[in-house]
Amino acid sequence: MSKVIGYVVSGAGILIMALGFGMLPVKIKILESVAGNIIAGAGVGLVVVGVLLSMNKGEGKKKRKGGHDEVPIYEGVGKKRRVVGYRKG
């Protein structure tokens, strides 16, 4: 989900950057009162934030408390094996 939000923020940043540089002929009074360089800078900032959000790997595996002493107990053989518990090793 975080990657999708990053892509949307980056896309919005690119559109705002294009408006700031005057590549898109849109007449909005709020944008005309602010300098184009400021709007383009805000767009670049949004692109950077979006890229950082999309590169975020999210939450990794949570470490088990006291897990350094534990050894996994497996059930099954080959690719069908799975961890069913842990024991003190």
N, C-alpha and C. Protein backbone atom coordinates (compact mmCIF):
# COMPACT_ATOMS: atom_id res chain seq x y z
N MET A 1 0.82 -1.18 0.00
CA MET A 1 0.00 0.00 0.00
C MET A 1 0.87 1.26 0.00
N SER A 2 1.99 1.20 0.70
CA SER A 2 2.88 2.36 0.78
C SER A 2 3.48 2.70 -0.58
N LYS A 3 3.74 1.67 -1.40
CA LYS A 3 4.30 1.94 -2.72
C LYS A 3 3.30 2.66 -3.60
N VAL A 4 2.03 2.29 -3.51
CA VAL A 4 1.00 2.94 -4.32
C VAL A 4 0.89 4.41 -3.94
N ILE A 5 0.93 4.69 -2.65
CA ILE A 5 0.87 6.08 -2.19
C ILE A 5 2.09 6.85 -2.69
N GLY A 6 3.25 6.21 -2.68
CA GLY A 6 4.46 6.84 -3.19
C GLY A 6 4.36 7.17 -4.67
N TYR A 7 3.78 6.25 -5.44
CA TYR A 7 3.61 6.50 -6.88
C TYR A 7 2.63 7.65 -7.12
N VAL A 8 1.56 7.73 -6.35
CA VAL A 8 0.58 8.81 -6.51
C VAL A 8 1.21 10.15 -6.14
N VAL A 9 1.97 10.19 -5.05
CA VAL A 9 2.62 11.44 -4.63
C VAL A 9 3.64 11.87 -5.68
N SER A 10 4.39 10.92 -6.24
CA SER A 10 5.36 11.26 -7.28
C SER A 10 4.67 11.81 -8.53
N GLY A 11 3.58 11.19 -8.91
CA GLY A 11 2.83 11.67 -10.08
C GLY A 11 2.29 13.07 -9.86
N ALA A 12 1.76 13.33 -8.67
CA ALA A 12 1.27 14.67 -8.36
C ALA A 12 2.42 15.67 -8.36
N GLY A 13 3.58 15.25 -7.88
CA GLY A 13 4.75 16.13 -7.89
C GLY A 13 5.19 16.48 -9.30
N ILE A 14 5.12 15.51 -10.20
CA ILE A 14 5.49 15.78 -11.60
C ILE A 14 4.51 16.76 -12.23
N LEU A 15 3.22 16.59 -11.95
CA LEU A 15 2.23 17.53 -12.49
C LEU A 15 2.44 18.95 -11.94
N ILE A 16 2.70 19.06 -10.65
CA ILE A 16 2.92 20.37 -10.04
C ILE A 16 4.20 21.00 -10.58
N MET A 17 5.22 20.17 -10.80
CA MET A 17 6.46 20.67 -11.36
C MET A 17 6.24 21.20 -12.78
N ALA A 18 5.45 20.48 -13.56
CA ALA A 18 5.15 20.94 -14.92
C ALA A 18 4.37 22.25 -14.90
N LEU A 19 3.46 22.40 -13.93
CA LEU A 19 2.73 23.67 -13.81
C LEU A 19 3.68 24.80 -13.42
N GLY A 20 4.63 24.52 -12.55
CA GLY A 20 5.57 25.55 -12.11
C GLY A 20 6.48 26.02 -13.22
N PHE A 21 6.91 25.12 -14.09
CA PHE A 21 7.77 25.49 -15.21
C PHE A 21 6.98 26.06 -16.38
N GLY A 22 5.67 26.03 -16.33
CA GLY A 22 4.84 26.59 -17.39
C GLY A 22 4.66 25.68 -18.58
N MET A 23 4.85 24.40 -18.42
CA MET A 23 4.68 23.45 -19.52
C MET A 23 3.21 23.17 -19.81
N LEU A 24 2.37 23.30 -18.80
CA LEU A 24 0.94 23.09 -18.97
C LEU A 24 0.24 24.44 -18.91
N PRO A 25 -0.49 24.80 -19.94
CA PRO A 25 -1.15 26.12 -19.97
C PRO A 25 -2.45 26.13 -19.17
N VAL A 26 -2.34 26.15 -17.84
CA VAL A 26 -3.51 26.18 -16.96
C VAL A 26 -3.54 27.54 -16.28
N LYS A 27 -4.69 28.17 -16.30
CA LYS A 27 -4.85 29.49 -15.70
C LYS A 27 -5.57 29.36 -14.36
N ILE A 28 -4.80 29.32 -13.28
CA ILE A 28 -5.36 29.28 -11.93
C ILE A 28 -4.81 30.49 -11.19
N LYS A 29 -5.70 31.28 -10.59
CA LYS A 29 -5.29 32.53 -9.97
C LYS A 29 -4.30 32.32 -8.83
N ILE A 30 -4.48 31.25 -8.08
CA ILE A 30 -3.58 31.00 -6.95
C ILE A 30 -2.16 30.73 -7.45
N LEU A 31 -2.06 29.99 -8.54
CA LEU A 31 -0.75 29.67 -9.09
C LEU A 31 -0.10 30.87 -9.76
N GLU A 32 -0.90 31.77 -10.29
CA GLU A 32 -0.34 32.96 -10.95
C GLU A 32 0.24 33.94 -9.94
N SER A 33 -0.29 33.95 -8.71
CA SER A 33 0.21 34.90 -7.71
C SER A 33 1.52 34.45 -7.09
N VAL A 34 1.85 33.15 -7.18
CA VAL A 34 3.08 32.62 -6.60
C VAL A 34 4.09 32.43 -7.73
N ALA A 35 5.36 32.66 -7.44
CA ALA A 35 6.40 32.51 -8.45
C ALA A 35 6.49 31.07 -8.93
N GLY A 36 6.77 30.90 -10.22
CA GLY A 36 6.84 29.57 -10.82
C GLY A 36 7.94 28.71 -10.24
N ASN A 37 9.04 29.34 -9.82
CA ASN A 37 10.14 28.56 -9.25
C ASN A 37 9.75 27.92 -7.92
N ILE A 38 8.93 28.60 -7.14
CA ILE A 38 8.48 28.05 -5.87
C ILE A 38 7.57 26.85 -6.10
N ILE A 39 6.68 26.98 -7.07
CA ILE A 39 5.77 25.87 -7.40
C ILE A 39 6.57 24.69 -7.94
N ALA A 40 7.53 24.94 -8.80
CA ALA A 40 8.36 23.86 -9.34
C ALA A 40 9.18 23.20 -8.24
N GLY A 41 9.67 23.98 -7.30
CA GLY A 41 10.42 23.43 -6.16
C GLY A 41 9.55 22.55 -5.29
N ALA A 42 8.30 22.96 -5.09
CA ALA A 42 7.38 22.12 -4.33
C ALA A 42 7.11 20.81 -5.07
N GLY A 43 7.01 20.88 -6.38
CA GLY A 43 6.82 19.67 -7.18
C GLY A 43 8.00 18.73 -7.08
N VAL A 44 9.21 19.27 -7.11
CA VAL A 44 10.41 18.44 -6.97
C VAL A 44 10.43 17.79 -5.58
N GLY A 45 10.04 18.55 -4.57
CA GLY A 45 9.97 17.99 -3.22
C GLY A 45 8.98 16.85 -3.12
N LEU A 46 7.83 16.99 -3.77
CA LEU A 46 6.84 15.91 -3.77
C LEU A 46 7.35 14.68 -4.50
N VAL A 47 8.08 14.88 -5.58
CA VAL A 47 8.65 13.74 -6.30
C VAL A 47 9.64 12.99 -5.41
N VAL A 48 10.48 13.72 -4.69
CA VAL A 48 11.45 13.09 -3.80
C VAL A 48 10.75 12.31 -2.69
N VAL A 49 9.73 12.92 -2.09
CA VAL A 49 8.98 12.23 -1.03
C VAL A 49 8.30 10.98 -1.57
N GLY A 50 7.73 11.08 -2.76
CA GLY A 50 7.07 9.92 -3.36
C GLY A 50 8.04 8.79 -3.65
N VAL A 51 9.23 9.13 -4.13
CA VAL A 51 10.24 8.09 -4.39
C VAL A 51 10.66 7.42 -3.09
N LEU A 52 10.85 8.21 -2.04
CA LEU A 52 11.24 7.64 -0.76
C LEU A 52 10.13 6.73 -0.21
N LEU A 53 8.88 7.12 -0.37
CA LEU A 53 7.78 6.27 0.08
C LEU A 53 7.70 4.98 -0.72
N SER A 54 7.94 5.06 -2.01
CA SER A 54 7.84 3.85 -2.83
C SER A 54 9.02 2.92 -2.61
N MET A 55 10.15 3.44 -2.16
CA MET A 55 11.31 2.59 -1.90
C MET A 55 11.26 1.96 -0.51
N ASN A 56 10.39 2.46 0.34
CA ASN A 56 10.27 1.93 1.69
C ASN A 56 9.81 0.48 1.64
N LYS A 57 10.56 -0.40 2.29
CA LYS A 57 10.23 -1.82 2.25
C LYS A 57 9.13 -2.18 3.24
N GLY A 58 8.72 -1.29 4.06
CA GLY A 58 7.68 -1.59 5.03
C GLY A 58 8.23 -2.28 6.25
N GLU A 59 7.36 -2.94 6.95
CA GLU A 59 7.76 -3.60 8.17
C GLU A 59 8.34 -4.97 7.85
N GLY A 60 9.45 -5.26 8.43
CA GLY A 60 10.07 -6.56 8.25
C GLY A 60 9.53 -7.56 9.26
N LYS A 61 10.19 -8.69 9.35
CA LYS A 61 9.78 -9.69 10.32
C LYS A 61 10.06 -9.16 11.73
N LYS A 62 9.13 -9.41 12.60
CA LYS A 62 9.33 -9.00 13.98
C LYS A 62 10.19 -10.03 14.68
N LYS A 63 11.14 -9.55 15.43
CA LYS A 63 12.01 -10.46 16.16
C LYS A 63 11.27 -11.00 17.37
N ARG A 64 11.52 -12.25 17.64
CA ARG A 64 10.91 -12.87 18.80
C ARG A 64 11.73 -12.50 20.03
N LYS A 65 11.07 -12.29 21.13
CA LYS A 65 11.76 -11.95 22.35
C LYS A 65 12.57 -13.15 22.82
N GLY A 66 13.84 -12.96 23.00
CA GLY A 66 14.69 -14.04 23.43
C GLY A 66 14.91 -15.08 22.34
N GLY A 67 14.80 -14.69 21.08
CA GLY A 67 14.87 -15.62 19.97
C GLY A 67 16.24 -16.14 19.65
N HIS A 68 17.28 -15.60 20.27
CA HIS A 68 18.63 -16.04 19.93
C HIS A 68 18.92 -17.44 20.45
N ASP A 69 18.16 -17.93 21.44
CA ASP A 69 18.37 -19.27 21.97
C ASP A 69 17.47 -20.31 21.31
N GLU A 70 16.52 -19.88 20.50
CA GLU A 70 15.51 -20.79 19.99
C GLU A 70 15.88 -21.37 18.63
N VAL A 71 15.51 -22.63 18.44
CA VAL A 71 15.74 -23.34 17.19
C VAL A 71 14.38 -23.74 16.63
N PRO A 72 14.13 -23.51 15.33
CA PRO A 72 12.82 -23.84 14.78
C PRO A 72 12.58 -25.35 14.71
N ILE A 73 11.32 -25.74 14.90
CA ILE A 73 10.89 -27.13 14.73
C ILE A 73 10.09 -27.18 13.44
N TYR A 74 10.52 -28.01 12.50
CA TYR A 74 9.89 -28.09 11.19
C TYR A 74 8.97 -29.29 11.10
N GLU A 75 7.95 -29.17 10.24
CA GLU A 75 7.05 -30.27 9.94
C GLU A 75 7.00 -30.40 8.42
N GLY A 76 7.08 -31.60 7.90
CA GLY A 76 7.05 -31.82 6.46
C GLY A 76 8.44 -31.99 5.89
N VAL A 77 8.49 -32.22 4.56
CA VAL A 77 9.75 -32.50 3.89
C VAL A 77 9.88 -31.60 2.67
N GLY A 78 11.10 -31.14 2.39
CA GLY A 78 11.38 -30.36 1.18
C GLY A 78 10.70 -29.00 1.20
N LYS A 79 10.07 -28.66 0.07
CA LYS A 79 9.43 -27.36 -0.06
C LYS A 79 8.14 -27.26 0.75
N LYS A 80 7.61 -28.38 1.17
CA LYS A 80 6.36 -28.38 1.91
C LYS A 80 6.55 -28.29 3.42
N ARG A 81 7.80 -28.11 3.87
CA ARG A 81 8.00 -28.02 5.30
C ARG A 81 7.69 -26.63 5.80
N ARG A 82 7.25 -26.58 7.04
CA ARG A 82 6.90 -25.30 7.65
C ARG A 82 7.28 -25.33 9.11
N VAL A 83 7.43 -24.17 9.69
CA VAL A 83 7.81 -24.05 11.09
C VAL A 83 6.55 -24.22 11.93
N VAL A 84 6.59 -25.14 12.88
CA VAL A 84 5.44 -25.37 13.75
C VAL A 84 5.69 -24.91 15.17
N GLY A 85 6.93 -24.62 15.50
CA GLY A 85 7.24 -24.15 16.84
C GLY A 85 8.71 -23.90 17.00
N TYR A 86 9.09 -23.55 18.21
CA TYR A 86 10.48 -23.27 18.54
C TYR A 86 10.83 -23.99 19.83
N ARG A 87 12.07 -24.38 19.97
CA ARG A 87 12.55 -24.98 21.20
C ARG A 87 13.85 -24.30 21.59
N LYS A 88 14.15 -24.42 22.86
CA LYS A 88 15.40 -23.81 23.34
C LYS A 88 16.56 -24.65 22.85
N GLY A 89 17.58 -24.03 22.28
CA GLY A 89 18.69 -24.76 21.71
C GLY A 89 19.90 -24.61 22.45
